[in-house]
Amino acid sequence: MRVPERSAAPAAELRVAVDALSLWRPLTGIGQYTWNIARSWAAQGGPPASYFYGNDWSDHAAPRTAAGLGALRRLARGALPRSYELSRAMLQRRFDRRPQPCAVYFEPSFLPFRFDGPMVLTVHDLSHVRHPQTHPAQRVRILDRLLPPALERAAHVLTVSEFQRREILAVYGLPAARVSACHEGVGTQFRPRPAADCAALLARLGLRWQGYFLAVGTLEPRKNLATALQAHARLPAALRQACPLVLAGSPGWHGGHIADALQAGVRAGEVRALGHVDDDDLPLLYSAARLFLYPSLYEGFGLPVLEAMASGVPVIASNRSSLPEVVGDAGVLLEPLDVVALSQAIERLCADADEWQRLSQAGREQARRFSWSACAAQTAAVLQSAARGGV
């Protein structure tokens, strides 16, 4: 479906209420989505907005850091499920105390608050439906119970890929005109860097320029990092030692499922688990990698793949869900559970300098098709239409 064009009317005619709970650090993928849309609106004259952080409202969006309020965000997202209804009721009272009237409400993270007016909702993926075993059972129950009525109540539903739009239509039976795909984008900080720019970070981490394979994502079953670990373990010993597998991401639910394979690789000096990587360091970590591995079982979009391609790093990714839409012909796509095929692809790209260079260039060209400014403009157009009674 084509996203509605922007109205000629000035953006100042409406104010958007935005749930900004995802902007508590460390930012998840949804936090990056929310932050980049808000930042683009500020830069390109988007609609005025009021951002709800759980404890207060602000006219300006920015990632925040505070230990106690980070716990509040986790409560709001159901990390402590027995407290979910209580915490949401508490947050709802604060959400209702908006300092300025808002014409429309933008919920960038699945489950909206009550709002007396039009609401636009973003659904990033349906992994809780397609792969429920990769989530805590209580999270699945909450989404199964609360997401369908939220979708019915929404004036319009946004999602981040055409694949995910088709999934939403198939699972929930919404009218096609009420669901739009707005691709995510990639920031200008993700670009090829010379070795000298990365030298200080690599020295701090004990890594070498193009001397490691990189995987970025939360350590949880859906990311399928066990396949990456097994594929790396099959490589020739000399290549494993020359290029360890580096995992960048915070531990997630059931992250212990890969603990044995992870620890064996760490003890052998062939695997590095960095945990959360600061936003300033991540672009350099991408640029200095030899290859980027992303064998995820299911993605609504797959932002790390786009960031890697923009950084000039050849990508080997899963051929499932949205990833073929994002990667196109600019990377190697494989069955996510095929350990042998992944290992062979890694070895082949390490041996073929011409193919490595071709994929590096193709990835940069593919990444240029995606921008946060376009995503933010399309989102603002949908919100403007919803505020005026359309979609």
Protein backbone atom coordinates (compact mmCIF):
# COMPACT_ATOMS: atom_id res chain seq x y z
CA MET A 1 0.00 0.00 0.00
CA ARG A 2 1.13 3.55 -0.73
CA VAL A 3 1.57 5.71 2.36
CA PRO A 4 -0.59 8.88 2.25
CA GLU A 5 1.15 11.93 0.86
CA ARG A 6 1.91 14.78 3.19
CA SER A 7 -0.84 17.37 3.38
CA ALA A 8 -0.08 20.88 2.22
CA ALA A 9 -1.36 22.15 5.57
CA PRO A 10 1.36 23.25 8.01
CA ALA A 11 2.57 20.65 10.54
CA ALA A 12 1.99 23.11 13.39
CA GLU A 13 -1.77 22.47 13.12
CA LEU A 14 -1.42 19.27 15.15
CA ARG A 15 0.47 18.11 18.19
CA VAL A 16 1.41 14.46 18.54
CA ALA A 17 1.52 12.58 21.84
CA VAL A 18 4.38 10.07 21.61
CA ASP A 19 5.10 7.18 23.97
CA ALA A 20 8.84 7.65 24.64
CA LEU A 21 9.35 4.86 27.19
CA SER A 22 11.61 3.12 24.68
CA LEU A 23 14.02 6.07 24.88
CA TRP A 24 15.42 4.97 28.24
CA ARG A 25 18.93 3.64 27.66
CA PRO A 26 20.16 1.22 26.52
CA LEU A 27 18.08 1.70 23.41
CA THR A 28 16.57 -1.40 21.86
CA GLY A 29 15.61 -1.56 18.20
CA ILE A 30 12.28 0.10 19.04
CA GLY A 31 14.16 2.81 20.92
CA GLN A 32 16.34 3.45 17.86
CA TYR A 33 13.20 3.65 15.73
CA THR A 34 11.52 6.15 18.08
CA TRP A 35 14.64 8.26 18.50
CA ASN A 36 15.44 8.49 14.79
CA ILE A 37 11.90 9.49 13.88
CA ALA A 38 11.86 12.16 16.60
CA ARG A 39 15.29 13.43 15.61
CA SER A 40 14.25 13.62 11.94
CA TRP A 41 11.11 15.53 12.85
CA ALA A 42 13.19 18.06 14.75
CA ALA A 43 15.57 18.45 11.81
CA GLN A 44 13.06 18.63 8.97
CA GLY A 45 10.18 20.55 10.51
CA GLY A 46 7.96 17.66 11.47
CA PRO A 47 4.89 17.92 13.69
CA PRO A 48 5.22 19.37 17.19
CA ALA A 49 5.22 16.52 19.69
CA SER A 50 4.96 15.84 23.40
CA TYR A 51 7.03 12.86 24.55
CA PHE A 52 5.91 10.71 27.49
CA TYR A 53 8.79 9.22 29.52
CA GLY A 54 6.71 7.61 32.24
CA ASN A 55 7.69 10.08 34.93
CA ASP A 56 7.15 13.27 32.92
CA TRP A 57 6.38 14.84 29.55
CA SER A 58 8.81 16.78 27.37
CA ASP A 59 8.57 18.78 24.15
CA HIS A 60 12.01 17.48 23.17
CA ALA A 61 13.04 13.88 22.54
CA ALA A 62 16.37 12.50 23.70
CA PRO A 63 17.61 9.17 25.04
CA ARG A 64 17.71 9.24 28.84
CA THR A 65 19.73 7.44 31.47
CA ALA A 66 18.61 6.84 35.06
CA ALA A 67 18.74 3.52 36.87
CA GLY A 68 15.49 3.80 38.80
CA LEU A 69 13.47 5.04 35.86
CA GLY A 70 14.97 2.34 33.65
CA ALA A 71 13.24 -0.08 36.01
CA LEU A 72 10.01 1.85 35.42
CA ARG A 73 10.36 1.26 31.69
CA ARG A 74 10.92 -2.46 32.25
CA LEU A 75 7.76 -2.56 34.34
CA ALA A 76 5.81 -0.81 31.62
CA ARG A 77 6.90 -3.36 29.04
CA GLY A 78 5.95 -6.33 31.20
CA ALA A 79 9.40 -7.51 32.25
CA LEU A 80 7.83 -8.14 35.67
CA PRO A 81 4.57 -9.64 34.40
CA ARG A 82 2.72 -9.96 37.69
CA SER A 83 3.05 -6.19 38.07
CA TYR A 84 2.09 -5.41 34.47
CA GLU A 85 -1.53 -4.32 35.03
CA LEU A 86 -0.60 -2.30 38.12
CA SER A 87 2.31 -0.55 36.42
CA ARG A 88 0.30 0.21 33.30
CA ALA A 89 -2.50 1.70 35.42
CA MET A 90 0.03 3.92 37.17
CA LEU A 91 1.54 4.98 33.85
CA GLN A 92 -1.88 5.57 32.33
CA ARG A 93 -2.67 8.15 35.04
CA ARG A 94 0.57 9.96 34.24
CA PHE A 95 -0.05 9.65 30.50
CA ASP A 96 -3.44 11.34 30.98
CA ARG A 97 -1.78 14.36 32.61
CA ARG A 98 -0.47 15.80 29.35
CA PRO A 99 0.57 19.44 29.76
CA GLN A 100 -0.71 20.36 26.27
CA PRO A 101 -3.67 19.10 24.22
CA CYS A 102 -2.67 16.58 21.55
CA ALA A 103 -4.59 15.93 18.35
CA VAL A 104 -3.26 12.41 17.74
CA TYR A 105 -1.32 9.75 19.62
CA PHE A 106 1.65 7.84 18.16
CA GLU A 107 2.50 4.55 19.86
CA PRO A 108 5.80 3.23 18.44
CA SER A 109 5.87 0.06 20.55
CA PHE A 110 2.95 -2.37 20.13
CA LEU A 111 0.71 -1.69 23.16
CA PRO A 112 -0.88 1.77 23.41
CA PHE A 113 -2.27 3.68 26.34
CA ARG A 114 -5.89 4.79 26.30
CA PHE A 115 -6.32 8.03 24.38
CA ASP A 116 -9.43 10.08 23.67
CA GLY A 117 -8.71 10.64 20.00
CA PRO A 118 -7.11 8.99 16.96
CA MET A 119 -4.20 6.64 17.64
CA VAL A 120 -1.53 5.36 15.22
CA LEU A 121 0.28 2.20 16.26
CA THR A 122 3.52 0.63 15.02
CA VAL A 123 3.82 -3.17 15.06
CA HIS A 124 7.44 -4.13 14.45
CA ASP A 125 7.06 -7.89 14.13
CA LEU A 126 4.82 -10.83 14.94
CA SER A 127 7.48 -13.10 16.39
CA HIS A 128 5.23 -13.76 19.39
CA VAL A 129 2.80 -15.37 16.90
CA ARG A 130 5.20 -17.04 14.48
CA HIS A 131 7.88 -18.07 17.00
CA PRO A 132 6.28 -17.93 20.48
CA GLN A 133 8.94 -20.28 21.86
CA THR A 134 11.48 -17.45 21.51
CA HIS A 135 9.66 -15.27 24.07
CA PRO A 136 8.69 -15.61 27.73
CA ALA A 137 5.26 -17.23 27.93
CA GLN A 138 3.84 -14.29 29.91
CA ARG A 139 4.92 -11.80 27.22
CA VAL A 140 3.19 -13.91 24.58
CA ARG A 141 0.01 -14.03 26.66
CA ILE A 142 0.02 -10.26 27.17
CA LEU A 143 0.49 -9.58 23.44
CA ASP A 144 -2.08 -12.19 22.45
CA ARG A 145 -4.60 -10.57 24.77
CA LEU A 146 -3.90 -6.86 24.26
CA LEU A 147 -2.59 -6.44 20.73
CA PRO A 148 -5.77 -7.47 18.79
CA PRO A 149 -8.02 -4.86 20.48
CA ALA A 150 -5.26 -2.25 20.07
CA LEU A 151 -5.14 -2.97 16.34
CA GLU A 152 -8.91 -2.64 16.08
CA ARG A 153 -8.82 0.67 17.94
CA ALA A 154 -6.00 2.17 15.87
CA ALA A 155 -6.88 4.72 13.21
CA HIS A 156 -3.93 3.35 11.26
CA VAL A 157 -1.27 0.69 11.76
CA LEU A 158 2.33 1.22 10.71
CA THR A 159 4.97 -1.44 10.29
CA VAL A 160 8.56 -1.51 9.09
CA SER A 161 8.58 -3.78 6.02
CA GLU A 162 6.28 -5.06 3.30
CA PHE A 163 6.84 -8.56 4.65
CA GLN A 164 5.55 -7.51 8.05
CA ARG A 165 2.60 -5.68 6.53
CA ARG A 166 1.54 -8.91 4.82
CA GLU A 167 1.97 -10.78 8.10
CA ILE A 168 -0.31 -8.36 9.96
CA LEU A 169 -2.98 -8.60 7.28
CA ALA A 170 -2.80 -12.40 7.24
CA VAL A 171 -2.86 -12.89 11.02
CA TYR A 172 -5.32 -10.20 12.10
CA GLY A 173 -7.47 -9.72 9.01
CA LEU A 174 -7.34 -5.92 9.05
CA PRO A 175 -8.46 -3.97 5.97
CA ALA A 176 -5.43 -3.47 3.72
CA ALA A 177 -6.01 0.29 3.61
CA ARG A 178 -5.43 0.56 7.38
CA VAL A 179 -1.88 -0.87 7.36
CA SER A 180 1.17 0.83 5.83
CA ALA A 181 4.82 -0.15 5.59
CA CYS A 182 7.44 2.53 6.30
CA HIS A 183 10.94 1.13 6.03
CA GLU A 184 13.41 1.95 8.76
CA GLY A 185 16.53 3.90 7.85
CA VAL A 186 20.20 4.08 8.59
CA GLY A 187 22.09 6.94 10.21
CA THR A 188 24.99 8.75 8.58
CA GLN A 189 27.27 7.53 11.36
CA PHE A 190 27.20 4.09 9.73
CA ARG A 191 29.65 4.42 6.85
CA PRO A 192 33.00 2.94 5.80
CA ARG A 193 35.83 4.17 8.03
CA PRO A 194 39.58 4.01 7.46
CA ALA A 195 41.59 1.73 9.72
CA ALA A 196 43.11 4.73 11.52
CA ASP A 197 39.67 5.88 12.71
CA CYS A 198 39.03 2.48 14.30
CA ALA A 199 42.49 1.94 15.79
CA ALA A 200 41.80 3.25 19.30
CA LEU A 201 38.62 1.19 19.72
CA LEU A 202 40.26 -1.96 18.38
CA ALA A 203 43.23 -1.53 20.72
CA ARG A 204 40.87 -1.11 23.67
CA LEU A 205 38.98 -4.27 22.75
CA GLY A 206 42.00 -6.32 21.74
CA LEU A 207 40.79 -6.75 18.15
CA ARG A 208 42.43 -6.30 14.75
CA TRP A 209 41.29 -4.43 11.64
CA GLN A 210 39.22 -6.86 9.53
CA GLY A 211 40.34 -9.55 11.95
CA TYR A 212 36.95 -10.66 13.31
CA PHE A 213 33.45 -11.67 12.26
CA LEU A 214 30.70 -9.58 13.85
CA ALA A 215 27.18 -10.42 15.03
CA VAL A 216 25.02 -7.68 16.60
CA GLY A 217 21.82 -8.30 18.52
CA THR A 218 20.31 -9.21 21.86
CA LEU A 219 21.45 -12.62 23.09
CA GLU A 220 18.09 -14.37 22.81
CA PRO A 221 16.81 -17.44 20.94
CA ARG A 222 15.18 -15.57 18.04
CA LYS A 223 18.54 -14.15 16.93
CA ASN A 224 19.77 -17.74 16.41
CA LEU A 225 23.34 -16.96 17.46
CA ALA A 226 23.83 -20.64 18.26
CA THR A 227 24.04 -21.27 14.51
CA ALA A 228 26.68 -18.56 14.14
CA LEU A 229 28.72 -20.10 16.97
CA GLN A 230 28.47 -23.60 15.50
CA ALA A 231 29.35 -22.39 12.00
CA HIS A 232 32.37 -20.53 13.33
CA ALA A 233 33.49 -23.62 15.24
CA ARG A 234 33.55 -25.57 11.95
CA LEU A 235 36.01 -23.20 10.29
CA PRO A 236 39.66 -24.22 9.92
CA ALA A 237 41.57 -23.63 13.14
CA ALA A 238 43.83 -21.02 11.57
CA LEU A 239 40.84 -18.96 10.40
CA ARG A 240 39.09 -19.24 13.77
CA GLN A 241 42.19 -17.94 15.51
CA ALA A 242 42.78 -15.17 12.96
CA CYS A 243 39.13 -14.05 12.98
CA PRO A 244 37.26 -14.63 16.24
CA LEU A 245 33.49 -14.30 16.33
CA VAL A 246 32.53 -11.10 18.15
CA LEU A 247 29.04 -10.84 19.67
CA ALA A 248 27.79 -7.33 20.44
CA GLY A 249 24.53 -7.20 22.38
CA SER A 250 23.03 -7.34 25.83
CA PRO A 251 21.82 -10.62 27.34
CA GLY A 252 18.13 -11.20 26.68
CA TRP A 253 15.48 -13.68 27.72
CA HIS A 254 16.75 -17.26 27.84
CA GLY A 255 20.20 -16.12 26.75
CA GLY A 256 21.67 -19.11 28.56
CA HIS A 257 20.61 -21.33 25.64
CA ILE A 258 23.97 -20.60 24.00
CA ALA A 259 26.04 -20.46 27.19
CA ASP A 260 27.97 -23.71 26.65
CA ALA A 261 28.94 -22.98 23.05
CA LEU A 262 29.75 -19.39 23.93
CA GLN A 263 31.97 -20.26 26.87
CA ALA A 264 33.83 -22.95 24.93
CA GLY A 265 34.68 -20.44 22.23
CA VAL A 266 35.68 -17.80 24.75
CA ARG A 267 38.03 -20.22 26.52
CA ALA A 268 39.64 -21.08 23.20
CA GLY A 269 40.15 -17.41 22.39
CA GLU A 270 37.90 -17.75 19.33
CA VAL A 271 34.77 -15.93 20.58
CA ARG A 272 34.35 -12.53 22.21
CA ALA A 273 31.13 -11.47 23.96
CA LEU A 274 31.23 -7.68 24.31
CA GLY A 275 27.78 -7.12 25.81
CA HIS A 276 26.15 -3.77 25.09
CA VAL A 277 28.30 -1.54 22.86
CA ASP A 278 28.02 2.23 23.20
CA ASP A 279 26.40 4.12 20.33
CA ASP A 280 29.65 5.99 19.60
CA ASP A 281 31.63 2.75 19.31
CA LEU A 282 29.19 0.65 17.31
CA PRO A 283 29.76 2.29 13.88
CA LEU A 284 33.51 1.74 14.26
CA LEU A 285 32.99 -1.86 15.33
CA TYR A 286 30.97 -2.48 12.16
CA SER A 287 33.48 -0.80 9.87
CA ALA A 288 36.45 -2.77 11.14
CA ALA A 289 34.81 -6.21 10.80
CA ARG A 290 35.67 -8.76 8.12
CA LEU A 291 32.10 -10.05 7.74
CA PHE A 292 28.72 -9.51 9.39
CA LEU A 293 26.63 -12.56 10.36
CA TYR A 294 22.88 -12.39 11.00
CA PRO A 295 21.18 -15.82 10.97
CA SER A 296 18.01 -14.58 12.71
CA LEU A 297 14.93 -16.79 12.67
CA TYR A 298 12.48 -13.91 12.27
CA GLU A 299 12.73 -10.13 11.85
CA GLY A 300 10.25 -7.37 11.21
CA PHE A 301 13.05 -5.39 9.56
CA GLY A 302 16.60 -6.26 10.69
CA LEU A 303 18.25 -2.91 11.38
CA PRO A 304 21.75 -4.30 12.17
CA VAL A 305 21.94 -5.77 8.64
CA LEU A 306 21.31 -2.33 7.16
CA GLU A 307 23.87 -0.72 9.46
CA ALA A 308 26.49 -3.30 8.45
CA MET A 309 25.84 -2.81 4.72
CA ALA A 310 26.06 0.97 5.10
CA SER A 311 29.42 0.44 6.83
CA GLY A 312 30.78 -1.48 3.83
CA VAL A 313 30.87 -4.88 5.56
CA PRO A 314 29.69 -7.89 3.49
CA VAL A 315 26.62 -9.50 5.05
CA ILE A 316 25.63 -13.15 5.42
CA ALA A 317 22.04 -13.26 6.65
CA SER A 318 18.98 -15.44 6.97
CA ASN A 319 16.75 -15.87 3.93
CA ARG A 320 13.63 -15.64 6.11
CA SER A 321 11.05 -12.97 6.98
CA SER A 322 11.99 -9.37 6.10
CA LEU A 323 15.71 -9.91 5.56
CA PRO A 324 15.59 -10.61 1.79
CA GLU A 325 13.64 -7.34 1.44
CA VAL A 326 16.36 -5.41 3.27
CA VAL A 327 19.43 -7.17 1.83
CA GLY A 328 18.21 -7.62 -1.75
CA ASP A 329 21.00 -8.93 -3.97
CA ALA A 330 23.66 -7.18 -1.89
CA GLY A 331 24.49 -10.03 0.49
CA VAL A 332 24.52 -13.79 0.95
CA LEU A 333 21.17 -15.22 2.10
CA LEU A 334 21.01 -18.70 3.66
CA GLU A 335 18.65 -20.97 5.55
CA PRO A 336 19.09 -19.79 9.15
CA LEU A 337 19.61 -23.27 10.68
CA ASP A 338 22.07 -24.53 8.01
CA VAL A 339 25.30 -24.53 9.99
CA VAL A 340 27.35 -26.09 7.19
CA ALA A 341 26.18 -23.58 4.56
CA LEU A 342 26.98 -20.66 6.85
CA SER A 343 30.44 -21.99 7.62
CA GLN A 344 31.16 -22.55 3.93
CA ALA A 345 29.95 -19.05 3.02
CA ILE A 346 32.24 -17.50 5.63
CA GLU A 347 35.24 -19.43 4.35
CA ARG A 348 34.42 -18.64 0.73
CA LEU A 349 34.16 -14.88 1.29
CA CYS A 350 37.39 -14.85 3.25
CA ALA A 351 39.19 -16.52 0.34
CA ASP A 352 37.62 -14.48 -2.52
CA ALA A 353 38.79 -10.87 -2.32
CA ASP A 354 36.92 -9.87 -5.50
CA GLU A 355 33.59 -11.19 -4.18
CA TRP A 356 34.23 -9.53 -0.81
CA GLN A 357 34.77 -6.20 -2.56
CA ARG A 358 31.71 -6.66 -4.78
CA LEU A 359 29.44 -7.31 -1.81
CA SER A 360 30.96 -4.41 0.13
CA GLN A 361 30.09 -2.02 -2.70
CA ALA A 362 26.67 -3.58 -3.36
CA GLY A 363 25.79 -3.32 0.33
CA ARG A 364 26.58 0.38 0.43
CA GLU A 365 24.42 0.99 -2.64
CA GLN A 366 21.54 -1.04 -1.17
CA ALA A 367 21.72 0.83 2.15
CA ARG A 368 21.32 4.18 0.38
CA ARG A 369 17.76 3.17 -0.48
CA PHE A 370 16.73 3.47 3.19
CA SER A 371 16.60 6.72 5.17
CA TRP A 372 15.21 7.83 8.51
CA SER A 373 14.10 11.14 6.98
CA ALA A 374 11.80 9.27 4.57
CA CYS A 375 10.49 7.07 7.39
CA ALA A 376 9.81 10.11 9.58
CA ALA A 377 8.07 12.01 6.77
CA GLN A 378 5.82 9.04 5.95
CA THR A 379 4.99 8.61 9.63
CA ALA A 380 4.12 12.30 9.98
CA ALA A 381 1.85 12.06 6.91
CA VAL A 382 -0.08 9.16 8.44
CA LEU A 383 -0.43 11.04 11.75
CA GLN A 384 -1.65 14.18 10.01
CA SER A 385 -4.23 12.18 8.08
CA ALA A 386 -5.41 10.36 11.23
CA ALA A 387 -5.71 13.63 13.15
CA ARG A 388 -8.04 14.96 10.43
CA GLY A 389 -10.24 11.91 10.45
CA GLY A 390 -8.66 10.00 7.56
CA VAL A 391 -6.01 7.32 7.23
